[in-house]
Structures are given as C-alpha cells and as structure tokens.
Amino acid sequence: MRKYTIEFEIFQGKGGRPHADGTHPDLVEEGICAWMYNEYEVGQTFRYPEDLGLLCPWLIDSLTGFVRALENGATLPWRNRGTPYEKEIDPDGVTTEYIRCPDPTASGIVVKITRTALPEPGE
C-alpha cells in the first residue's frame, strides 16, 4: 500500500491578539476563531499525526473522514474550479483538499490538507 505524508495548513481564518490595554476583543463580533486567538495564524502548518493534539477538537472532527480517505489512497473528485479552494489531484504526487470547520459563525476557519505520495520501494 502506498505511503503518504499529510499536512494541515490554516488556509483561511482570523486570529487575534489582546488589545494594547490588556482587554480582549469580542471574538464572535469580530469573526475571530477562539482556537486561533493569540496562538495560530493563516499559513501555519501542522503535521499529521504528530501535531494532532495542537488542533481544535471540532476541527479534528471535520478533518477525520477526509484524512482517512486520503491516507488510504482515495481522491475526492470535486475540484472547486475557479475558487480559492481549487484542488490538486495527483494520486502519485500531491493531492489537496479544503475543509471548513463546523463553526457556523464568521469565526469559522478553512484548513488545507496536503497529501504527498512517498516514493515506493525501488523508485
């Protein structure tokens, strides 16, 4: 069975920091992800499964089915052409998938999953 590396990247979302006076913003009103707040930012990456404990439990739940499919060699056929979420699909190279967390407010984030095929023995 083919082996892969899998990485998660915070693709879209809003973090935040405490205000200069030490107060905190209204996360819902400002569309700030509570998990990202004061900790993470767009572009940050996480290795699977090593960094799983650093992710929001709700986000992990959203990612699980897609990760299971990707790590077992599947590709999901929709491409989202013409959107910021347009995917790469290459079973022998790099395949990407975009997953939105279940937060229904403007605070929700999007994670890009990147699966990279490792060389097979003898390649």
PDB file of N, CA and C in Angstrom:
ATOM      1  N   MET A   1       0.842  -1.183   0.000  1.00  0.00           N
ATOM      2  CA  MET A   1       0.000   0.000   0.000  1.00  0.00           C
ATOM      3  C   MET A   1       0.887   1.247   0.000  1.00  0.00           C
ATOM      4  N   ARG A   2       0.527   2.205  -0.796  1.00  0.00           N
ATOM      5  CA  ARG A   2       1.287   3.451  -0.917  1.00  0.00           C
ATOM      6  C   ARG A   2       1.298   4.205   0.409  1.00  0.00           C
ATOM      7  N   LYS A   3       2.394   4.852   0.710  1.00  0.00           N
ATOM      8  CA  LYS A   3       2.535   5.663   1.926  1.00  0.00           C
ATOM      9  C   LYS A   3       2.513   7.143   1.538  1.00  0.00           C
ATOM     10  N   TYR A   4       2.023   7.962   2.455  1.00  0.00           N
ATOM     11  CA  TYR A   4       1.886   9.405   2.218  1.00  0.00           C
ATOM     12  C   TYR A   4       2.306  10.188   3.449  1.00  0.00           C
ATOM     13  N   THR A   5       2.666  11.441   3.228  1.00  0.00           N
ATOM     14  CA  THR A   5       2.735  12.390   4.327  1.00  0.00           C
ATOM     15  C   THR A   5       1.499  13.270   4.206  1.00  0.00           C
ATOM     16  N   ILE A   6       0.998  13.704   5.340  1.00  0.00           N
ATOM     17  CA  ILE A   6      -0.182  14.567   5.355  1.00  0.00           C
ATOM     18  C   ILE A   6       0.129  15.772   6.227  1.00  0.00           C
ATOM     19  N   GLU A   7      -0.253  16.932   5.719  1.00  0.00           N
ATOM     20  CA  GLU A   7      -0.011  18.188   6.438  1.00  0.00           C
ATOM     21  C   GLU A   7      -1.284  19.027   6.385  1.00  0.00           C
ATOM     22  N   PHE A   8      -1.534  19.756   7.453  1.00  0.00           N
ATOM     23  CA  PHE A   8      -2.662  20.690   7.514  1.00  0.00           C
ATOM     24  C   PHE A   8      -2.103  22.098   7.525  1.00  0.00           C
ATOM     25  N   GLU A   9      -2.752  22.998   6.798  1.00  0.00           N
ATOM     26  CA  GLU A   9      -2.369  24.414   6.792  1.00  0.00           C
ATOM     27  C   GLU A   9      -3.604  25.256   7.081  1.00  0.00           C
ATOM     28  N   ILE A  10      -3.478  26.209   7.976  1.00  0.00           N
ATOM     29  CA  ILE A  10      -4.578  27.140   8.192  1.00  0.00           C
ATOM     30  C   ILE A  10      -4.626  28.014   6.938  1.00  0.00           C
ATOM     31  N   PHE A  11      -5.644  27.805   6.121  1.00  0.00           N
ATOM     32  CA  PHE A  11      -5.751  28.464   4.826  1.00  0.00           C
ATOM     33  C   PHE A  11      -6.523  29.780   4.919  1.00  0.00           C
ATOM     34  N   GLN A  12      -7.524  29.790   5.763  1.00  0.00           N
ATOM     35  CA  GLN A  12      -8.387  30.964   5.869  1.00  0.00           C
ATOM     36  C   GLN A  12      -8.932  31.024   7.288  1.00  0.00           C
ATOM     37  N   GLY A  13      -8.930  32.187   7.863  1.00  0.00           N
ATOM     38  CA  GLY A  13      -9.454  32.358   9.211  1.00  0.00           C
ATOM     39  C   GLY A  13      -8.850  33.597   9.838  1.00  0.00           C
ATOM     40  N   LYS A  14      -9.403  33.956  10.946  1.00  0.00           N
ATOM     41  CA  LYS A  14      -8.948  35.172  11.607  1.00  0.00           C
ATOM     42  C   LYS A  14      -8.572  34.862  13.044  1.00  0.00           C
ATOM     43  N   GLY A  15      -7.351  35.201  13.370  1.00  0.00           N
ATOM     44  CA  GLY A  15      -6.900  35.099  14.751  1.00  0.00           C
ATOM     45  C   GLY A  15      -6.966  36.483  15.373  1.00  0.00           C
ATOM     46  N   GLY A  16      -6.323  36.676  16.452  1.00  0.00           N
ATOM     47  CA  GLY A  16      -6.311  37.978  17.089  1.00  0.00           C
ATOM     48  C   GLY A  16      -5.402  37.978  18.293  1.00  0.00           C
ATOM     49  N   ARG A  17      -5.201  39.140  18.832  1.00  0.00           N
ATOM     50  CA  ARG A  17      -4.342  39.334  19.999  1.00  0.00           C
ATOM     51  C   ARG A  17      -5.076  40.248  20.980  1.00  0.00           C
ATOM     52  N   PRO A  18      -4.695  40.178  22.247  1.00  0.00           N
ATOM     53  CA  PRO A  18      -5.287  41.122  23.207  1.00  0.00           C
ATOM     54  C   PRO A  18      -4.990  42.563  22.772  1.00  0.00           C
ATOM     55  N   HIS A  19      -5.874  43.457  23.111  1.00  0.00           N
ATOM     56  CA  HIS A  19      -5.669  44.875  22.816  1.00  0.00           C
ATOM     57  C   HIS A  19      -4.522  45.422  23.656  1.00  0.00           C
ATOM     58  N   ALA A  20      -3.979  46.545  23.251  1.00  0.00           N
ATOM     59  CA  ALA A  20      -2.850  47.169  23.954  1.00  0.00           C
ATOM     60  C   ALA A  20      -3.163  47.425  25.428  1.00  0.00           C
ATOM     61  N   ASP A  21      -4.428  47.685  25.745  1.00  0.00           N
ATOM     62  CA  ASP A  21      -4.803  47.960  27.137  1.00  0.00           C
ATOM     63  C   ASP A  21      -5.060  46.674  27.936  1.00  0.00           C
ATOM     64  N   GLY A  22      -4.798  45.496  27.320  1.00  0.00           N
ATOM     65  CA  GLY A  22      -4.962  44.224  28.018  1.00  0.00           C
ATOM     66  C   GLY A  22      -6.345  43.619  27.906  1.00  0.00           C
ATOM     67  N   THR A  23      -7.300  44.330  27.305  1.00  0.00           N
ATOM     68  CA  THR A  23      -8.636  43.770  27.125  1.00  0.00           C
ATOM     69  C   THR A  23      -8.638  42.867  25.891  1.00  0.00           C
ATOM     70  N   HIS A  24      -9.687  42.099  25.775  1.00  0.00           N
ATOM     71  CA  HIS A  24      -9.791  41.156  24.664  1.00  0.00           C
ATOM     72  C   HIS A  24     -10.931  41.564  23.735  1.00  0.00           C
ATOM     73  N   PRO A  25     -10.784  41.285  22.440  1.00  0.00           N
ATOM     74  CA  PRO A  25     -11.856  41.605  21.504  1.00  0.00           C
ATOM     75  C   PRO A  25     -13.048  40.667  21.700  1.00  0.00           C
ATOM     76  N   ASP A  26     -14.188  41.059  21.173  1.00  0.00           N
ATOM     77  CA  ASP A  26     -15.361  40.201  21.145  1.00  0.00           C
ATOM     78  C   ASP A  26     -15.151  39.248  19.963  1.00  0.00           C
ATOM     79  N   LEU A  27     -14.825  37.990  20.256  1.00  0.00           N
ATOM     80  CA  LEU A  27     -14.447  37.044  19.212  1.00  0.00           C
ATOM     81  C   LEU A  27     -15.537  36.847  18.166  1.00  0.00           C
ATOM     82  N   VAL A  28     -16.768  36.681  18.601  1.00  0.00           N
ATOM     83  CA  VAL A  28     -17.868  36.453  17.660  1.00  0.00           C
ATOM     84  C   VAL A  28     -18.113  37.708  16.828  1.00  0.00           C
ATOM     85  N   GLU A  29     -18.185  38.860  17.481  1.00  0.00           N
ATOM     86  CA  GLU A  29     -18.453  40.117  16.771  1.00  0.00           C
ATOM     87  C   GLU A  29     -17.370  40.419  15.729  1.00  0.00           C
ATOM     88  N   GLU A  30     -16.119  40.100  16.048  1.00  0.00           N
ATOM     89  CA  GLU A  30     -15.011  40.401  15.141  1.00  0.00           C
ATOM     90  C   GLU A  30     -14.647  39.219  14.243  1.00  0.00           C
ATOM     91  N   GLY A  31     -15.387  38.102  14.353  1.00  0.00           N
ATOM     92  CA  GLY A  31     -15.129  36.949  13.487  1.00  0.00           C
ATOM     93  C   GLY A  31     -13.797  36.275  13.760  1.00  0.00           C
ATOM     94  N   ILE A  32     -13.377  36.241  15.011  1.00  0.00           N
ATOM     95  CA  ILE A  32     -12.092  35.656  15.390  1.00  0.00           C
ATOM     96  C   ILE A  32     -12.312  34.232  15.885  1.00  0.00           C
ATOM     97  N   CYS A  33     -11.551  33.309  15.357  1.00  0.00           N
ATOM     98  CA  CYS A  33     -11.612  31.912  15.791  1.00  0.00           C
ATOM     99  C   CYS A  33     -10.998  31.805  17.177  1.00  0.00           C
ATOM    100  N   ALA A  34     -11.771  31.266  18.126  1.00  0.00           N
ATOM    101  CA  ALA A  34     -11.274  31.151  19.500  1.00  0.00           C
ATOM    102  C   ALA A  34     -10.049  30.253  19.584  1.00  0.00           C
ATOM    103  N   TRP A  35      -9.978  29.228  18.758  1.00  0.00           N
ATOM    104  CA  TRP A  35      -8.814  28.343  18.761  1.00  0.00           C
ATOM    105  C   TRP A  35      -7.571  29.074  18.248  1.00  0.00           C
ATOM    106  N   MET A  36      -7.735  29.922  17.227  1.00  0.00           N
ATOM    107  CA  MET A  36      -6.598  30.640  16.654  1.00  0.00           C
ATOM    108  C   MET A  36      -6.147  31.806  17.535  1.00  0.00           C
ATOM    109  N   TYR A  37      -7.059  32.336  18.340  1.00  0.00           N
ATOM    110  CA  TYR A  37      -6.794  33.548  19.099  1.00  0.00           C
ATOM    111  C   TYR A  37      -5.505  33.452  19.914  1.00  0.00           C
ATOM    112  N   ASN A  38      -4.633  34.413  19.701  1.00  0.00           N
ATOM    113  CA  ASN A  38      -3.380  34.577  20.441  1.00  0.00           C
ATOM    114  C   ASN A  38      -2.422  33.394  20.285  1.00  0.00           C
ATOM    115  N   GLU A  39      -2.651  32.545  19.304  1.00  0.00           N
ATOM    116  CA  GLU A  39      -1.862  31.320  19.210  1.00  0.00           C
ATOM    117  C   GLU A  39      -1.444  30.998  17.776  1.00  0.00           C
ATOM    118  N   TYR A  40      -2.407  30.971  16.842  1.00  0.00           N
ATOM    119  CA  TYR A  40      -2.153  30.492  15.488  1.00  0.00           C
ATOM    120  C   TYR A  40      -2.523  31.554  14.462  1.00  0.00           C
ATOM    121  N   GLU A  41      -2.044  31.346  13.220  1.00  0.00           N
ATOM    122  CA  GLU A  41      -2.346  32.314  12.162  1.00  0.00           C
ATOM    123  C   GLU A  41      -2.407  31.623  10.807  1.00  0.00           C
ATOM    124  N   VAL A  42      -3.004  32.311   9.844  1.00  0.00           N
ATOM    125  CA  VAL A  42      -3.088  31.801   8.482  1.00  0.00           C
ATOM    126  C   VAL A  42      -1.680  31.500   7.981  1.00  0.00           C
ATOM    127  N   GLY A  43      -1.549  30.359   7.320  1.00  0.00           N
ATOM    128  CA  GLY A  43      -0.259  29.933   6.783  1.00  0.00           C
ATOM    129  C   GLY A  43       0.478  28.955   7.678  1.00  0.00           C
ATOM    130  N   GLN A  44       0.073  28.865   8.919  1.00  0.00           N
ATOM    131  CA  GLN A  44       0.736  27.947   9.841  1.00  0.00           C
ATOM    132  C   GLN A  44       0.393  26.508   9.450  1.00  0.00           C
ATOM    133  N   THR A  45       1.374  25.615   9.570  1.00  0.00           N
ATOM    134  CA  THR A  45       1.170  24.220   9.179  1.00  0.00           C
ATOM    135  C   THR A  45       1.346  23.279  10.364  1.00  0.00           C
ATOM    136  N   PHE A  46       0.713  22.124  10.222  1.00  0.00           N
ATOM    137  CA  PHE A  46       0.738  21.086  11.244  1.00  0.00           C
ATOM    138  C   PHE A  46       0.930  19.737  10.554  1.00  0.00           C
ATOM    139  N   ARG A  47       1.759  18.890  11.112  1.00  0.00           N
ATOM    140  CA  ARG A  47       1.999  17.558  10.554  1.00  0.00           C
ATOM    141  C   ARG A  47       1.000  16.574  11.146  1.00  0.00           C
ATOM    142  N   TYR A  48       0.536  15.673  10.306  1.00  0.00           N
ATOM    143  CA  TYR A  48      -0.374  14.624  10.751  1.00  0.00           C
ATOM    144  C   TYR A  48       0.391  13.314  10.787  1.00  0.00           C
ATOM    145  N   PRO A  49       0.311  12.566  11.866  1.00  0.00           N
ATOM    146  CA  PRO A  49      -0.494  12.738  13.066  1.00  0.00           C
ATOM    147  C   PRO A  49       0.242  13.439  14.210  1.00  0.00           C
ATOM    148  N   GLU A  50       1.508  13.778  14.007  1.00  0.00           N
ATOM    149  CA  GLU A  50       2.338  14.302  15.097  1.00  0.00           C
ATOM    150  C   GLU A  50       1.733  15.504  15.813  1.00  0.00           C
ATOM    151  N   ASP A  51       1.143  16.433  15.077  1.00  0.00           N
ATOM    152  CA  ASP A  51       0.652  17.685  15.665  1.00  0.00           C
ATOM    153  C   ASP A  51      -0.847  17.689  15.948  1.00  0.00           C
ATOM    154  N   LEU A  52      -1.479  16.542  15.870  1.00  0.00           N
ATOM    155  CA  LEU A  52      -2.935  16.471  16.030  1.00  0.00           C
ATOM    156  C   LEU A  52      -3.408  17.087  17.341  1.00  0.00           C
ATOM    157  N   GLY A  53      -2.651  16.932  18.404  1.00  0.00           N
ATOM    158  CA  GLY A  53      -3.032  17.471  19.707  1.00  0.00           C
ATOM    159  C   GLY A  53      -3.031  18.987  19.768  1.00  0.00           C
ATOM    160  N   LEU A  54      -2.471  19.643  18.761  1.00  0.00           N
ATOM    161  CA  LEU A  54      -2.457  21.109  18.726  1.00  0.00           C
ATOM    162  C   LEU A  54      -3.710  21.689  18.074  1.00  0.00           C
ATOM    163  N   LEU A  55      -4.518  20.841  17.460  1.00  0.00           N
ATOM    164  CA  LEU A  55      -5.685  21.309  16.713  1.00  0.00           C
ATOM    165  C   LEU A  55      -6.940  21.348  17.575  1.00  0.00           C
ATOM    166  N   CYS A  56      -7.860  22.196  17.182  1.00  0.00           N
ATOM    167  CA  CYS A  56      -9.165  22.309  17.832  1.00  0.00           C
ATOM    168  C   CYS A  56      -9.923  20.986  17.669  1.00  0.00           C
ATOM    169  N   PRO A  57     -10.532  20.464  18.736  1.00  0.00           N
ATOM    170  CA  PRO A  57     -11.272  19.195  18.624  1.00  0.00           C
ATOM    171  C   PRO A  57     -12.389  19.233  17.578  1.00  0.00           C
ATOM    172  N   TRP A  58     -13.074  20.370  17.429  1.00  0.00           N
ATOM    173  CA  TRP A  58     -14.117  20.467  16.412  1.00  0.00           C
ATOM    174  C   TRP A  58     -13.513  20.357  15.023  1.00  0.00           C
ATOM    175  N   LEU A  59     -12.371  20.995  14.837  1.00  0.00           N
ATOM    176  CA  LEU A  59     -11.685  20.952  13.553  1.00  0.00           C
ATOM    177  C   LEU A  59     -11.227  19.529  13.247  1.00  0.00           C
ATOM    178  N   ILE A  60     -10.665  18.848  14.226  1.00  0.00           N
ATOM    179  CA  ILE A  60     -10.227  17.461  14.032  1.00  0.00           C
ATOM    180  C   ILE A  60     -11.399  16.604  13.570  1.00  0.00           C
ATOM    181  N   ASP A  61     -12.557  16.805  14.187  1.00  0.00           N
ATOM    182  CA  ASP A  61     -13.733  16.031  13.812  1.00  0.00           C
ATOM    183  C   ASP A  61     -14.102  16.271  12.347  1.00  0.00           C
ATOM    184  N   SER A  62     -13.974  17.502  11.879  1.00  0.00           N
ATOM    185  CA  SER A  62     -14.285  17.821  10.486  1.00  0.00           C
ATOM    186  C   SER A  62     -13.275  17.207   9.523  1.00  0.00           C
ATOM    187  N   LEU A  63     -12.029  17.102   9.948  1.00  0.00           N
ATOM    188  CA  LEU A  63     -10.958  16.598   9.092  1.00  0.00           C
ATOM    189  C   LEU A  63     -10.923  15.076   8.993  1.00  0.00           C
ATOM    190  N   THR A  64     -11.389  14.385  10.023  1.00  0.00           N
ATOM    191  CA  THR A  64     -11.165  12.951  10.161  1.00  0.00           C
ATOM    192  C   THR A  64     -11.564  12.119   8.943  1.00  0.00           C
ATOM    193  N   GLY A  65     -12.758  12.271   8.440  1.00  0.00           N
ATOM    194  CA  GLY A  65     -13.204  11.465   7.296  1.00  0.00           C
ATOM    195  C   GLY A  65     -12.360  11.701   6.060  1.00  0.00           C
ATOM    196  N   PHE A  66     -11.993  12.947   5.825  1.00  0.00           N
ATOM    197  CA  PHE A  66     -11.173  13.269   4.660  1.00  0.00           C
ATOM    198  C   PHE A  66      -9.768  12.696   4.803  1.00  0.00           C
ATOM    199  N   VAL A  67      -9.208  12.805   5.995  1.00  0.00           N
ATOM    200  CA  VAL A  67      -7.866  12.258   6.238  1.00  0.00           C
ATOM    201  C   VAL A  67      -7.876  10.749   6.038  1.00  0.00           C
ATOM    202  N   ARG A  68      -8.898  10.072   6.552  1.00  0.00           N
ATOM    203  CA  ARG A  68      -8.986   8.617   6.387  1.00  0.00           C
ATOM    204  C   ARG A  68      -9.006   8.246   4.903  1.00  0.00           C
ATOM    205  N   ALA A  69      -9.795   8.950   4.135  1.00  0.00           N
ATOM    206  CA  ALA A  69      -9.855   8.673   2.690  1.00  0.00           C
ATOM    207  C   ALA A  69      -8.503   8.937   2.033  1.00  0.00           C
ATOM    208  N   LEU A  70      -7.912  10.090   2.304  1.00  0.00           N
ATOM    209  CA  LEU A  70      -6.651  10.461   1.659  1.00  0.00           C
ATOM    210  C   LEU A  70      -5.504   9.542   2.059  1.00  0.00           C
ATOM    211  N   GLU A  71      -5.408   9.182   3.325  1.00  0.00           N
ATOM    212  CA  GLU A  71      -4.292   8.343   3.752  1.00  0.00           C
ATOM    213  C   GLU A  71      -4.411   6.917   3.231  1.00  0.00           C
ATOM    214  N   ASN A  72      -5.595   6.554   2.758  1.00  0.00           N
ATOM    215  CA  ASN A  72      -5.799   5.235   2.161  1.00  0.00           C
ATOM    216  C   ASN A  72      -5.809   5.279   0.640  1.00  0.00           C
ATOM    217  N   GLY A  73      -5.340   6.397   0.073  1.00  0.00           N
ATOM    218  CA  GLY A  73      -5.146   6.485  -1.374  1.00  0.00           C
ATOM    219  C   GLY A  73      -6.294   7.056  -2.166  1.00  0.00           C
ATOM    220  N   ALA A  74      -7.404   7.364  -1.531  1.00  0.00           N
ATOM    221  CA  ALA A  74      -8.557   7.892  -2.263  1.00  0.00           C
ATOM    222  C   ALA A  74      -8.330   9.351  -2.668  1.00  0.00           C
ATOM    223  N   THR A  75      -9.022   9.741  -3.699  1.00  0.00           N
ATOM    224  CA  THR A  75      -9.101  11.153  -4.070  1.00  0.00           C
ATOM    225  C   THR A  75     -10.572  11.492  -4.202  1.00  0.00           C
ATOM    226  N   LEU A  76     -10.908  12.708  -3.863  1.00  0.00           N
ATOM    227  CA  LEU A  76     -12.296  13.153  -3.924  1.00  0.00           C
ATOM    228  C   LEU A  76     -12.447  13.976  -5.202  1.00  0.00           C
ATOM    229  N   PRO A  77     -13.419  13.655  -6.052  1.00  0.00           N
ATOM    230  CA  PRO A  77     -13.429  14.146  -7.428  1.00  0.00           C
ATOM    231  C   PRO A  77     -13.734  15.624  -7.652  1.00  0.00           C
ATOM    232  N   TRP A  78     -14.396  16.300  -6.719  1.00  0.00           N
ATOM    233  CA  TRP A  78     -14.726  17.687  -6.989  1.00  0.00           C
ATOM    234  C   TRP A  78     -13.459  18.542  -6.931  1.00  0.00           C
ATOM    235  N   ARG A  79     -13.377  19.535  -7.798  1.00  0.00           N
ATOM    236  CA  ARG A  79     -12.155  20.327  -7.899  1.00  0.00           C
ATOM    237  C   ARG A  79     -12.322  21.768  -7.427  1.00  0.00           C
ATOM    238  N   ASN A  80     -13.547  22.246  -7.326  1.00  0.00           N
ATOM    239  CA  ASN A  80     -13.804  23.629  -6.906  1.00  0.00           C
ATOM    240  C   ASN A  80     -13.115  24.630  -7.840  1.00  0.00           C
ATOM    241  N   ARG A  81     -13.159  24.347  -9.115  1.00  0.00           N
ATOM    242  CA  ARG A  81     -12.501  25.208 -10.111  1.00  0.00           C
ATOM    243  C   ARG A  81     -12.988  26.644 -10.017  1.00  0.00           C
ATOM    244  N   GLY A  82     -12.041  27.555 -10.198  1.00  0.00           N
ATOM    245  CA  GLY A  82     -12.368  28.976 -10.212  1.00  0.00           C
ATOM    246  C   GLY A  82     -12.620  29.572  -8.841  1.00  0.00           C
ATOM    247  N   THR A  83     -12.308  28.829  -7.785  1.00  0.00           N
ATOM    248  CA  THR A  83     -12.487  29.335  -6.423  1.00  0.00           C
ATOM    249  C   THR A  83     -11.127  29.340  -5.725  1.00  0.00           C
ATOM    250  N   PRO A  84     -11.032  29.986  -4.578  1.00  0.00           N
ATOM    251  CA  PRO A  84      -9.772  29.927  -3.820  1.00  0.00           C
ATOM    252  C   PRO A  84      -9.462  28.510  -3.323  1.00  0.00           C
ATOM    253  N   TYR A  85     -10.442  27.597  -3.419  1.00  0.00           N
ATOM    254  CA  TYR A  85     -10.307  26.241  -2.905  1.00  0.00           C
ATOM    255  C   TYR A  85     -10.068  25.217  -4.019  1.00  0.00           C
ATOM    256  N   GLU A  86      -9.587  25.685  -5.164  1.00  0.00           N
ATOM    257  CA  GLU A  86      -9.317  24.776  -6.277  1.00  0.00           C
ATOM    258  C   GLU A  86      -8.234  23.780  -5.868  1.00  0.00           C
ATOM    259  N   LYS A  87      -8.504  22.512  -6.145  1.00  0.00           N
ATOM    260  CA  LYS A  87      -7.655  21.442  -5.639  1.00  0.00           C
ATOM    261  C   LYS A  87      -6.660  20.937  -6.673  1.00  0.00           C
ATOM    262  N   GLU A  88      -5.617  20.294  -6.149  1.00  0.00           N
ATOM    263  CA  GLU A  88      -4.720  19.476  -6.948  1.00  0.00           C
ATOM    264  C   GLU A  88      -5.128  18.036  -6.678  1.00  0.00           C
ATOM    265  N   ILE A  89      -5.147  17.219  -7.728  1.00  0.00           N
ATOM    266  CA  ILE A  89      -5.429  15.801  -7.550  1.00  0.00           C
ATOM    267  C   ILE A  89      -4.398  15.017  -8.347  1.00  0.00           C
ATOM    268  N   ASP A  90      -3.481  14.377  -7.638  1.00  0.00           N
ATOM    269  CA  ASP A  90      -2.454  13.540  -8.255  1.00  0.00           C
ATOM    270  C   ASP A  90      -2.153  12.393  -7.299  1.00  0.00           C
ATOM    271  N   PRO A  91      -2.757  11.219  -7.540  1.00  0.00           N
ATOM    272  CA  PRO A  91      -2.555  10.088  -6.641  1.00  0.00           C
ATOM    273  C   PRO A  91      -1.086   9.703  -6.455  1.00  0.00           C
ATOM    274  N   ASP A  92      -0.244  10.036  -7.424  1.00  0.00           N
ATOM    275  CA  ASP A  92       1.178   9.686  -7.341  1.00  0.00           C
ATOM    276  C   ASP A  92       2.046  10.879  -6.954  1.00  0.00           C
ATOM    277  N   GLY A  93       1.435  11.984  -6.590  1.00  0.00           N
ATOM    278  CA  GLY A  93       2.179  13.183  -6.217  1.00  0.00           C
ATOM    279  C   GLY A  93       1.485  13.898  -5.077  1.00  0.00           C
ATOM    280  N   VAL A  94       1.019  15.120  -5.367  1.00  0.00           N
ATOM    281  CA  VAL A  94       0.379  15.945  -4.342  1.00  0.00           C
ATOM    282  C   VAL A  94      -1.122  16.047  -4.619  1.00  0.00           C
ATOM    283  N   THR A  95      -1.900  15.811  -3.576  1.00  0.00           N
ATOM    284  CA  THR A  95      -3.351  15.987  -3.635  1.00  0.00           C
ATOM    285  C   THR A  95      -3.730  16.913  -2.485  1.00  0.00           C
ATOM    286  N   THR A  96      -4.630  17.862  -2.771  1.00  0.00           N
ATOM    287  CA  THR A  96      -5.069  18.775  -1.715  1.00  0.00           C
ATOM    288  C   THR A  96      -6.576  18.688  -1.536  1.00  0.00           C
ATOM    289  N   GLU A  97      -7.006  19.077  -0.378  1.00  0.00           N
ATOM    290  CA  GLU A  97      -8.425  19.122  -0.033  1.00  0.00           C
ATOM    291  C   GLU A  97      -8.613  20.291   0.919  1.00  0.00           C
ATOM    292  N   TYR A  98      -9.743  20.962   0.849  1.00  0.00           N
ATOM    293  CA  TYR A  98     -10.045  22.095   1.727  1.00  0.00           C
ATOM    294  C   TYR A  98     -11.243  21.748   2.575  1.00  0.00           C
ATOM    295  N   ILE A  99     -11.115  21.968   3.882  1.00  0.00           N
ATOM    296  CA  ILE A  99     -12.170  21.616   4.825  1.00  0.00           C
ATOM    297  C   ILE A  99     -12.478  22.822   5.705  1.00  0.00           C
ATOM    298  N   ARG A 100     -13.746  23.110   5.850  1.00  0.00           N
ATOM    299  CA  ARG A 100     -14.198  24.195   6.730  1.00  0.00           C
ATOM    300  C   ARG A 100     -14.568  23.606   8.078  1.00  0.00           C
ATOM    301  N   CYS A 101     -14.200  24.299   9.144  1.00  0.00           N
ATOM    302  CA  CYS A 101     -14.585  23.836  10.477  1.00  0.00           C
ATOM    303  C   CYS A 101     -16.095  24.008  10.642  1.00  0.00           C
ATOM    304  N   PRO A 102     -16.687  23.355  11.636  1.00  0.00           N
ATOM    305  CA  PRO A 102     -18.146  23.403  11.774  1.00  0.00           C
ATOM    306  C   PRO A 102     -18.696  24.667  12.426  1.00  0.00           C
ATOM    307  N   ASP A 103     -17.843  25.613  12.824  1.00  0.00           N
ATOM    308  CA  ASP A 103     -18.345  26.845  13.452  1.00  0.00           C
ATOM    309  C   ASP A 103     -19.196  27.593  12.429  1.00  0.00           C
ATOM    310  N   PRO A 104     -20.481  27.779  12.684  1.00  0.00           N
ATOM    311  CA  PRO A 104     -21.365  28.403  11.699  1.00  0.00           C
ATOM    312  C   PRO A 104     -21.252  29.930  11.634  1.00  0.00           C
ATOM    313  N   THR A 105     -20.465  30.518  12.526  1.00  0.00           N
ATOM    314  CA  THR A 105     -20.340  31.975  12.529  1.00  0.00           C
ATOM    315  C   THR A 105     -19.205  32.399  11.601  1.00  0.00           C
ATOM    316  N   ALA A 106     -19.000  33.686  11.491  1.00  0.00           N
ATOM    317  CA  ALA A 106     -17.900  34.220  10.682  1.00  0.00           C
ATOM    318  C   ALA A 106     -16.541  33.881  11.287  1.00  0.00           C
ATOM    319  N   SER A 107     -16.540  33.271  12.462  1.00  0.00           N
ATOM    320  CA  SER A 107     -15.300  32.880  13.120  1.00  0.00           C
ATOM    321  C   SER A 107     -14.737  31.569  12.577  1.00  0.00           C
ATOM    322  N   GLY A 108     -15.504  30.861  11.747  1.00  0.00           N
ATOM    323  CA  GLY A 108     -15.052  29.583  11.206  1.00  0.00           C
ATOM    324  C   GLY A 108     -13.796  29.731  10.367  1.00  0.00           C
ATOM    325  N   ILE A 109     -13.028  28.654  10.274  1.00  0.00           N
ATOM    326  CA  ILE A 109     -11.788  28.680   9.505  1.00  0.00           C
ATOM    327  C   ILE A 109     -11.806  27.585   8.444  1.00  0.00           C
ATOM    328  N   VAL A 110     -10.867  27.692   7.483  1.00  0.00           N
ATOM    329  CA  VAL A 110     -10.685  26.681   6.444  1.00  0.00           C
ATOM    330  C   VAL A 110      -9.263  26.147   6.565  1.00  0.00           C
ATOM    331  N   VAL A 111      -9.143  24.830   6.486  1.00  0.00           N
ATOM    332  CA  VAL A 111      -7.847  24.170   6.539  1.00  0.00           C
ATOM    333  C   VAL A 111      -7.603  23.481   5.206  1.00  0.00           C
ATOM    334  N   LYS A 112      -6.388  23.606   4.717  1.00  0.00           N
ATOM    335  CA  LYS A 112      -5.965  22.909   3.506  1.00  0.00           C
ATOM    336  C   LYS A 112      -5.217  21.648   3.951  1.00  0.00           C
ATOM    337  N   ILE A 113      -5.675  20.500   3.458  1.00  0.00           N
ATOM    338  CA  ILE A 113      -4.978  19.242   3.689  1.00  0.00           C
ATOM    339  C   ILE A 113      -4.107  18.987   2.464  1.00  0.00           C
ATOM    340  N   THR A 114      -2.840  18.696   2.681  1.00  0.00           N
ATOM    341  CA  THR A 114      -1.950  18.343   1.579  1.00  0.00           C
ATOM    342  C   THR A 114      -1.435  16.930   1.821  1.00  0.00           C
ATOM    343  N   ARG A 115      -1.733  16.071   0.865  1.00  0.00           N
ATOM    344  CA  ARG A 115      -1.230  14.700   0.910  1.00  0.00           C
ATOM    345  C   ARG A 115      -0.143  14.574  -0.159  1.00  0.00           C
ATOM    346  N   THR A 116       1.030  14.100   0.250  1.00  0.00           N
ATOM    347  CA  THR A 116       2.143  13.928  -0.675  1.00  0.00           C
ATOM    348  C   THR A 116       2.541  12.459  -0.692  1.00  0.00           C
ATOM    349  N   ALA A 117       2.539  11.876  -1.877  1.00  0.00           N
ATOM    350  CA  ALA A 117       2.912  10.474  -2.024  1.00  0.00           C
ATOM    351  C   ALA A 117       4.406  10.311  -1.798  1.00  0.00           C
ATOM    352  N   LEU A 118       4.767   9.326  -1.006  1.00  0.00           N
ATOM    353  CA  LEU A 118       6.179   8.997  -0.798  1.00  0.00           C
ATOM    354  C   LEU A 118       6.609   8.011  -1.877  1.00  0.00           C
ATOM    355  N   PRO A 119       7.889   8.039  -2.239  1.00  0.00           N
ATOM    356  CA  PRO A 119       8.347   7.082  -3.256  1.00  0.00           C
ATOM    357  C   PRO A 119       8.108   5.646  -2.783  1.00  0.00           C
ATOM    358  N   GLU A 120       7.690   4.805  -3.703  1.00  0.00           N
ATOM    359  CA  GLU A 120       7.512   3.404  -3.366  1.00  0.00           C
ATOM    360  C   GLU A 120       8.873   2.731  -3.362  1.00  0.00           C
ATOM    361  N   PRO A 121       9.030   1.674  -2.591  1.00  0.00           N
ATOM    362  CA  PRO A 121      10.328   0.990  -2.559  1.00  0.00           C
ATOM    363  C   PRO A 121      10.777   0.628  -3.977  1.00  0.00           C
ATOM    364  N   GLY A 122      12.012   0.947  -4.268  1.00  0.00           N
ATOM    365  CA  GLY A 122      12.558   0.676  -5.596  1.00  0.00           C
ATOM    366  C   GLY A 122      12.405   1.808  -6.581  1.00  0.00           C
ATOM    367  N   GLU A 123      11.697   2.885  -6.202  1.00  0.00           N
ATOM    368  CA  GLU A 123      11.532   4.023  -7.112  1.00  0.00           C
ATOM    369  C   GLU A 123      12.733   4.941  -7.027  1.00  0.00           C
TER     370      GLU A 123
END
